[in-house]
Amino acid sequence: MTKTEITPTMIVADVLAQWPQTIPVFHKYQTACVGCDIAPFDTLADVARIYELDLEQFLHDLKEAIGISTTKDFENNV
């Protein structure tokens, strides 16, 4: 079964494999995740911690890249 949600505990390599359209998001945040040997082990939360990213914004951008509506999107449209 295909996951339809991106969560902080997801493994980077799994996200990249399932949703290659997220690659530009990793590049936007200047991470070395795409092609990294550690990607099969690090979670999205690990990436946010290591690169000192705002986890909520990072997840929002990843979800936006795959077409998942987020609460922020709703709040901005009200």
PDB file of N, CA and C in Angstrom:
ATOM      1  N   MET A   1       0.839  -1.189   0.000  1.00  0.00           N
ATOM      2  CA  MET A   1       0.000   0.000   0.000  1.00  0.00           C
ATOM      3  C   MET A   1       0.881   1.249   0.000  1.00  0.00           C
ATOM      4  N   THR A   2       0.509   2.225  -0.766  1.00  0.00           N
ATOM      5  CA  THR A   2       1.263   3.460  -0.879  1.00  0.00           C
ATOM      6  C   THR A   2       0.827   4.441   0.202  1.00  0.00           C
ATOM      7  N   LYS A   3       1.817   4.998   0.903  1.00  0.00           N
ATOM      8  CA  LYS A   3       1.507   6.018   1.899  1.00  0.00           C
ATOM      9  C   LYS A   3       1.108   7.298   1.180  1.00  0.00           C
ATOM     10  N   THR A   4       0.159   8.013   1.769  1.00  0.00           N
ATOM     11  CA  THR A   4      -0.289   9.263   1.156  1.00  0.00           C
ATOM     12  C   THR A   4      -0.024  10.458   2.060  1.00  0.00           C
ATOM     13  N   GLU A   5       0.779  10.267   3.076  1.00  0.00           N
ATOM     14  CA  GLU A   5       1.071  11.345   4.015  1.00  0.00           C
ATOM     15  C   GLU A   5       2.569  11.364   4.280  1.00  0.00           C
ATOM     16  N   ILE A   6       3.107  12.540   4.430  1.00  0.00           N
ATOM     17  CA  ILE A   6       4.508  12.689   4.797  1.00  0.00           C
ATOM     18  C   ILE A   6       4.550  13.064   6.271  1.00  0.00           C
ATOM     19  N   THR A   7       5.343  12.310   7.043  1.00  0.00           N
ATOM     20  CA  THR A   7       5.456  12.538   8.479  1.00  0.00           C
ATOM     21  C   THR A   7       6.925  12.705   8.866  1.00  0.00           C
ATOM     22  N   PRO A   8       7.186  13.294  10.023  1.00  0.00           N
ATOM     23  CA  PRO A   8       8.568  13.503  10.457  1.00  0.00           C
ATOM     24  C   PRO A   8       9.366  12.211  10.622  1.00  0.00           C
ATOM     25  N   THR A   9       8.682  11.101  10.856  1.00  0.00           N
ATOM     26  CA  THR A   9       9.392   9.843  11.100  1.00  0.00           C
ATOM     27  C   THR A   9       9.695   9.057   9.830  1.00  0.00           C
ATOM     28  N   MET A  10       9.299   9.594   8.692  1.00  0.00           N
ATOM     29  CA  MET A  10       9.573   8.890   7.434  1.00  0.00           C
ATOM     30  C   MET A  10      11.057   8.958   7.095  1.00  0.00           C
ATOM     31  N   ILE A  11      11.547   7.882   6.487  1.00  0.00           N
ATOM     32  CA  ILE A  11      12.941   7.788   6.067  1.00  0.00           C
ATOM     33  C   ILE A  11      13.131   8.574   4.761  1.00  0.00           C
ATOM     34  N   VAL A  12      14.197   9.341   4.707  1.00  0.00           N
ATOM     35  CA  VAL A  12      14.466  10.203   3.552  1.00  0.00           C
ATOM     36  C   VAL A  12      14.470   9.410   2.247  1.00  0.00           C
ATOM     37  N   ALA A  13      15.170   8.286   2.212  1.00  0.00           N
ATOM     38  CA  ALA A  13      15.254   7.492   0.979  1.00  0.00           C
ATOM     39  C   ALA A  13      13.878   7.025   0.523  1.00  0.00           C
ATOM     40  N   ASP A  14      13.003   6.702   1.478  1.00  0.00           N
ATOM     41  CA  ASP A  14      11.644   6.270   1.133  1.00  0.00           C
ATOM     42  C   ASP A  14      10.852   7.420   0.514  1.00  0.00           C
ATOM     43  N   VAL A  15      10.999   8.598   1.083  1.00  0.00           N
ATOM     44  CA  VAL A  15      10.305   9.777   0.550  1.00  0.00           C
ATOM     45  C   VAL A  15      10.779  10.060  -0.875  1.00  0.00           C
ATOM     46  N   LEU A  16      12.083  10.043  -1.070  1.00  0.00           N
ATOM     47  CA  LEU A  16      12.639  10.323  -2.396  1.00  0.00           C
ATOM     48  C   LEU A  16      12.226   9.273  -3.420  1.00  0.00           C
ATOM     49  N   ALA A  17      12.165   8.018  -2.998  1.00  0.00           N
ATOM     50  CA  ALA A  17      11.779   6.942  -3.919  1.00  0.00           C
ATOM     51  C   ALA A  17      10.299   7.021  -4.276  1.00  0.00           C
ATOM     52  N   GLN A  18       9.469   7.294  -3.275  1.00  0.00           N
ATOM     53  CA  GLN A  18       8.024   7.326  -3.509  1.00  0.00           C
ATOM     54  C   GLN A  18       7.589   8.602  -4.213  1.00  0.00           C
ATOM     55  N   TRP A  19       8.235   9.712  -3.874  1.00  0.00           N
ATOM     56  CA  TRP A  19       7.849  11.007  -4.435  1.00  0.00           C
ATOM     57  C   TRP A  19       9.079  11.742  -4.967  1.00  0.00           C
ATOM     58  N   PRO A  20       9.574  11.377  -6.139  1.00  0.00           N
ATOM     59  CA  PRO A  20      10.753  12.060  -6.680  1.00  0.00           C
ATOM     60  C   PRO A  20      10.536  13.562  -6.888  1.00  0.00           C
ATOM     61  N   GLN A  21       9.279  13.975  -6.945  1.00  0.00           N
ATOM     62  CA  GLN A  21       9.007  15.407  -7.103  1.00  0.00           C
ATOM     63  C   GLN A  21       9.400  16.209  -5.858  1.00  0.00           C
ATOM     64  N   THR A  22       9.804  15.525  -4.774  1.00  0.00           N
ATOM     65  CA  THR A  22      10.282  16.228  -3.576  1.00  0.00           C
ATOM     66  C   THR A  22      11.765  16.600  -3.680  1.00  0.00           C
ATOM     67  N   ILE A  23      12.460  16.075  -4.675  1.00  0.00           N
ATOM     68  CA  ILE A  23      13.895  16.353  -4.811  1.00  0.00           C
ATOM     69  C   ILE A  23      14.187  17.855  -4.809  1.00  0.00           C
ATOM     70  N   PRO A  24      13.442  18.675  -5.557  1.00  0.00           N
ATOM     71  CA  PRO A  24      13.724  20.119  -5.518  1.00  0.00           C
ATOM     72  C   PRO A  24      13.583  20.739  -4.124  1.00  0.00           C
ATOM     73  N   VAL A  25      12.743  20.170  -3.284  1.00  0.00           N
ATOM     74  CA  VAL A  25      12.592  20.697  -1.921  1.00  0.00           C
ATOM     75  C   VAL A  25      13.882  20.464  -1.139  1.00  0.00           C
ATOM     76  N   PHE A  26      14.452  19.267  -1.258  1.00  0.00           N
ATOM     77  CA  PHE A  26      15.718  18.988  -0.581  1.00  0.00           C
ATOM     78  C   PHE A  26      16.821  19.910  -1.106  1.00  0.00           C
ATOM     79  N   HIS A  27      16.799  20.190  -2.411  1.00  0.00           N
ATOM     80  CA  HIS A  27      17.777  21.114  -2.985  1.00  0.00           C
ATOM     81  C   HIS A  27      17.529  22.542  -2.496  1.00  0.00           C
ATOM     82  N   LYS A  28      16.268  22.936  -2.401  1.00  0.00           N
ATOM     83  CA  LYS A  28      15.921  24.282  -1.927  1.00  0.00           C
ATOM     84  C   LYS A  28      16.533  24.555  -0.554  1.00  0.00           C
ATOM     85  N   TYR A  29      16.496  23.530   0.303  1.00  0.00           N
ATOM     86  CA  TYR A  29      17.031  23.672   1.654  1.00  0.00           C
ATOM     87  C   TYR A  29      18.523  23.359   1.723  1.00  0.00           C
ATOM     88  N   GLN A  30      19.148  23.176   0.569  1.00  0.00           N
ATOM     89  CA  GLN A  30      20.587  22.939   0.460  1.00  0.00           C
ATOM     90  C   GLN A  30      21.053  21.761   1.312  1.00  0.00           C
ATOM     91  N   THR A  31      20.270  20.685   1.274  1.00  0.00           N
ATOM     92  CA  THR A  31      20.676  19.465   1.962  1.00  0.00           C
ATOM     93  C   THR A  31      21.441  18.584   0.984  1.00  0.00           C
ATOM     94  N   ALA A  32      22.167  17.640   1.524  1.00  0.00           N
ATOM     95  CA  ALA A  32      22.901  16.676   0.698  1.00  0.00           C
ATOM     96  C   ALA A  32      22.163  15.340   0.664  1.00  0.00           C
ATOM     97  N   CYS A  33      20.873  15.370   0.940  1.00  0.00           N
ATOM     98  CA  CYS A  33      20.085  14.141   1.087  1.00  0.00           C
ATOM     99  C   CYS A  33      19.949  13.338  -0.204  1.00  0.00           C
ATOM    100  N   VAL A  34      19.806  14.011  -1.319  1.00  0.00           N
ATOM    101  CA  VAL A  34      19.616  13.315  -2.590  1.00  0.00           C
ATOM    102  C   VAL A  34      20.936  12.635  -2.952  1.00  0.00           C
ATOM    103  N   GLY A  35      20.913  11.303  -2.966  1.00  0.00           N
ATOM    104  CA  GLY A  35      22.110  10.529  -3.269  1.00  0.00           C
ATOM    105  C   GLY A  35      23.015  10.264  -2.078  1.00  0.00           C
ATOM    106  N   CYS A  36      22.614  10.704  -0.900  1.00  0.00           N
ATOM    107  CA  CYS A  36      23.429  10.516   0.302  1.00  0.00           C
ATOM    108  C   CYS A  36      23.382   9.064   0.771  1.00  0.00           C
ATOM    109  N   ASP A  37      24.524   8.565   1.235  1.00  0.00           N
ATOM    110  CA  ASP A  37      24.595   7.193   1.744  1.00  0.00           C
ATOM    111  C   ASP A  37      23.802   7.003   3.036  1.00  0.00           C
ATOM    112  N   ILE A  38      23.509   8.078   3.736  1.00  0.00           N
ATOM    113  CA  ILE A  38      22.783   8.002   5.007  1.00  0.00           C
ATOM    114  C   ILE A  38      21.271   8.136   4.808  1.00  0.00           C
ATOM    115  N   ALA A  39      20.828   8.508   3.618  1.00  0.00           N
ATOM    116  CA  ALA A  39      19.393   8.701   3.344  1.00  0.00           C
ATOM    117  C   ALA A  39      18.530   7.494   3.710  1.00  0.00           C
ATOM    118  N   PRO A  40      19.031   6.249   3.593  1.00  0.00           N
ATOM    119  CA  PRO A  40      18.195   5.112   3.998  1.00  0.00           C
ATOM    120  C   PRO A  40      18.010   4.989   5.511  1.00  0.00           C
ATOM    121  N   PHE A  41      18.699   5.823   6.278  1.00  0.00           N
ATOM    122  CA  PHE A  41      18.648   5.714   7.737  1.00  0.00           C
ATOM    123  C   PHE A  41      18.065   6.948   8.416  1.00  0.00           C
ATOM    124  N   ASP A  42      18.256   8.130   7.825  1.00  0.00           N
ATOM    125  CA  ASP A  42      17.781   9.374   8.438  1.00  0.00           C
ATOM    126  C   ASP A  42      16.295   9.599   8.186  1.00  0.00           C
ATOM    127  N   THR A  43      15.634  10.138   9.197  1.00  0.00           N
ATOM    128  CA  THR A  43      14.233  10.532   9.048  1.00  0.00           C
ATOM    129  C   THR A  43      14.180  11.997   8.619  1.00  0.00           C
ATOM    130  N   LEU A  44      12.996  12.431   8.242  1.00  0.00           N
ATOM    131  CA  LEU A  44      12.822  13.843   7.897  1.00  0.00           C
ATOM    132  C   LEU A  44      13.094  14.731   9.107  1.00  0.00           C
ATOM    133  N   ALA A  45      12.731  14.261  10.293  1.00  0.00           N
ATOM    134  CA  ALA A  45      13.019  15.014  11.516  1.00  0.00           C
ATOM    135  C   ALA A  45      14.528  15.122  11.732  1.00  0.00           C
ATOM    136  N   ASP A  46      15.271  14.047  11.423  1.00  0.00           N
ATOM    137  CA  ASP A  46      16.734  14.095  11.519  1.00  0.00           C
ATOM    138  C   ASP A  46      17.292  15.170  10.594  1.00  0.00           C
ATOM    139  N   VAL A  47      16.783  15.218   9.374  1.00  0.00           N
ATOM    140  CA  VAL A  47      17.245  16.209   8.394  1.00  0.00           C
ATOM    141  C   VAL A  47      17.011  17.623   8.925  1.00  0.00           C
ATOM    142  N   ALA A  48      15.824  17.863   9.453  1.00  0.00           N
ATOM    143  CA  ALA A  48      15.509  19.188   9.994  1.00  0.00           C
ATOM    144  C   ALA A  48      16.455  19.546  11.137  1.00  0.00           C
ATOM    145  N   ARG A  49      16.738  18.575  11.989  1.00  0.00           N
ATOM    146  CA  ARG A  49      17.644  18.822  13.117  1.00  0.00           C
ATOM    147  C   ARG A  49      19.073  19.070  12.627  1.00  0.00           C
ATOM    148  N   ILE A  50      19.559  18.210  11.735  1.00  0.00           N
ATOM    149  CA  ILE A  50      20.936  18.309  11.249  1.00  0.00           C
ATOM    150  C   ILE A  50      21.177  19.617  10.498  1.00  0.00           C
ATOM    151  N   TYR A  51      20.220  20.002   9.675  1.00  0.00           N
ATOM    152  CA  TYR A  51      20.381  21.211   8.855  1.00  0.00           C
ATOM    153  C   TYR A  51      19.761  22.453   9.497  1.00  0.00           C
ATOM    154  N   GLU A  52      19.284  22.305  10.733  1.00  0.00           N
ATOM    155  CA  GLU A  52      18.683  23.411  11.483  1.00  0.00           C
ATOM    156  C   GLU A  52      17.540  24.059  10.705  1.00  0.00           C
ATOM    157  N   LEU A  53      16.645  23.202  10.203  1.00  0.00           N
ATOM    158  CA  LEU A  53      15.482  23.651   9.446  1.00  0.00           C
ATOM    159  C   LEU A  53      14.265  23.731  10.356  1.00  0.00           C
ATOM    160  N   ASP A  54      13.319  24.561   9.987  1.00  0.00           N
ATOM    161  CA  ASP A  54      12.022  24.579  10.653  1.00  0.00           C
ATOM    162  C   ASP A  54      11.273  23.340  10.160  1.00  0.00           C
ATOM    163  N   LEU A  55      11.090  22.365  11.035  1.00  0.00           N
ATOM    164  CA  LEU A  55      10.494  21.088  10.636  1.00  0.00           C
ATOM    165  C   LEU A  55       9.114  21.273  10.027  1.00  0.00           C
ATOM    166  N   GLU A  56       8.297  22.119  10.631  1.00  0.00           N
ATOM    167  CA  GLU A  56       6.940  22.339  10.128  1.00  0.00           C
ATOM    168  C   GLU A  56       6.960  22.895   8.699  1.00  0.00           C
ATOM    169  N   GLN A  57       7.823  23.860   8.449  1.00  0.00           N
ATOM    170  CA  GLN A  57       7.912  24.449   7.112  1.00  0.00           C
ATOM    171  C   GLN A  57       8.475  23.448   6.108  1.00  0.00           C
ATOM    172  N   PHE A  58       9.473  22.687   6.513  1.00  0.00           N
ATOM    173  CA  PHE A  58      10.073  21.661   5.658  1.00  0.00           C
ATOM    174  C   PHE A  58       9.019  20.636   5.248  1.00  0.00           C
ATOM    175  N   LEU A  59       8.256  20.140   6.219  1.00  0.00           N
ATOM    176  CA  LEU A  59       7.191  19.176   5.919  1.00  0.00           C
ATOM    177  C   LEU A  59       6.126  19.807   5.023  1.00  0.00           C
ATOM    178  N   HIS A  60       5.779  21.046   5.303  1.00  0.00           N
ATOM    179  CA  HIS A  60       4.797  21.763   4.479  1.00  0.00           C
ATOM    180  C   HIS A  60       5.253  21.798   3.019  1.00  0.00           C
ATOM    181  N   ASP A  61       6.510  22.143   2.804  1.00  0.00           N
ATOM    182  CA  ASP A  61       7.030  22.233   1.441  1.00  0.00           C
ATOM    183  C   ASP A  61       7.064  20.867   0.758  1.00  0.00           C
ATOM    184  N   LEU A  62       7.417  19.828   1.508  1.00  0.00           N
ATOM    185  CA  LEU A  62       7.411  18.475   0.939  1.00  0.00           C
ATOM    186  C   LEU A  62       5.990  18.066   0.552  1.00  0.00           C
ATOM    187  N   LYS A  63       5.041  18.341   1.432  1.00  0.00           N
ATOM    188  CA  LYS A  63       3.643  17.996   1.150  1.00  0.00           C
ATOM    189  C   LYS A  63       3.117  18.780  -0.047  1.00  0.00           C
ATOM    190  N   GLU A  64       3.485  20.031  -0.115  1.00  0.00           N
ATOM    191  CA  GLU A  64       3.064  20.860  -1.246  1.00  0.00           C
ATOM    192  C   GLU A  64       3.616  20.288  -2.559  1.00  0.00           C
ATOM    193  N   ALA A  65       4.834  19.787  -2.518  1.00  0.00           N
ATOM    194  CA  ALA A  65       5.460  19.228  -3.721  1.00  0.00           C
ATOM    195  C   ALA A  65       4.725  18.000  -4.244  1.00  0.00           C
ATOM    196  N   ILE A  66       4.067  17.275  -3.336  1.00  0.00           N
ATOM    197  CA  ILE A  66       3.345  16.074  -3.783  1.00  0.00           C
ATOM    198  C   ILE A  66       1.846  16.314  -3.881  1.00  0.00           C
ATOM    199  N   GLY A  67       1.436  17.558  -3.657  1.00  0.00           N
ATOM    200  CA  GLY A  67       0.030  17.900  -3.852  1.00  0.00           C
ATOM    201  C   GLY A  67      -0.879  17.637  -2.678  1.00  0.00           C
ATOM    202  N   ILE A  68      -0.309  17.547  -1.473  1.00  0.00           N
ATOM    203  CA  ILE A  68      -1.138  17.374  -0.277  1.00  0.00           C
ATOM    204  C   ILE A  68      -1.441  18.753   0.297  1.00  0.00           C
ATOM    205  N   SER A  69      -2.718  19.041   0.476  1.00  0.00           N
ATOM    206  CA  SER A  69      -3.131  20.299   1.084  1.00  0.00           C
ATOM    207  C   SER A  69      -2.756  20.279   2.560  1.00  0.00           C
ATOM    208  N   THR A  70      -2.266  21.403   3.066  1.00  0.00           N
ATOM    209  CA  THR A  70      -1.874  21.478   4.468  1.00  0.00           C
ATOM    210  C   THR A  70      -2.714  22.515   5.192  1.00  0.00           C
ATOM    211  N   THR A  71      -2.663  22.483   6.504  1.00  0.00           N
ATOM    212  CA  THR A  71      -3.400  23.447   7.324  1.00  0.00           C
ATOM    213  C   THR A  71      -2.966  24.863   6.989  1.00  0.00           C
ATOM    214  N   LYS A  72      -1.672  25.060   6.749  1.00  0.00           N
ATOM    215  CA  LYS A  72      -1.184  26.396   6.395  1.00  0.00           C
ATOM    216  C   LYS A  72      -1.865  26.899   5.135  1.00  0.00           C
ATOM    217  N   ASP A  73      -2.033  26.002   4.154  1.00  0.00           N
ATOM    218  CA  ASP A  73      -2.712  26.387   2.920  1.00  0.00           C
ATOM    219  C   ASP A  73      -4.123  26.854   3.225  1.00  0.00           C
ATOM    220  N   PHE A  74      -4.818  26.123   4.099  1.00  0.00           N
ATOM    221  CA  PHE A  74      -6.188  26.469   4.452  1.00  0.00           C
ATOM    222  C   PHE A  74      -6.224  27.825   5.145  1.00  0.00           C
ATOM    223  N   GLU A  75      -5.322  28.022   6.111  1.00  0.00           N
ATOM    224  CA  GLU A  75      -5.298  29.271   6.860  1.00  0.00           C
ATOM    225  C   GLU A  75      -5.006  30.463   5.949  1.00  0.00           C
ATOM    226  N   ASN A  76      -4.154  30.271   4.960  1.00  0.00           N
ATOM    227  CA  ASN A  76      -3.808  31.367   4.055  1.00  0.00           C
ATOM    228  C   ASN A  76      -4.941  31.718   3.104  1.00  0.00           C
ATOM    229  N   ASN A  77      -5.876  30.796   2.900  1.00  0.00           N
ATOM    230  CA  ASN A  77      -6.976  31.031   1.971  1.00  0.00           C
ATOM    231  C   ASN A  77      -8.243  31.521   2.653  1.00  0.00           C
ATOM    232  N   VAL A  78      -8.246  31.621   3.965  1.00  0.00           N
ATOM    233  CA  VAL A  78      -9.437  32.044   4.702  1.00  0.00           C
ATOM    234  C   VAL A  78      -9.498  33.542   4.758  1.00  0.00           C
TER     235      VAL A  78
END
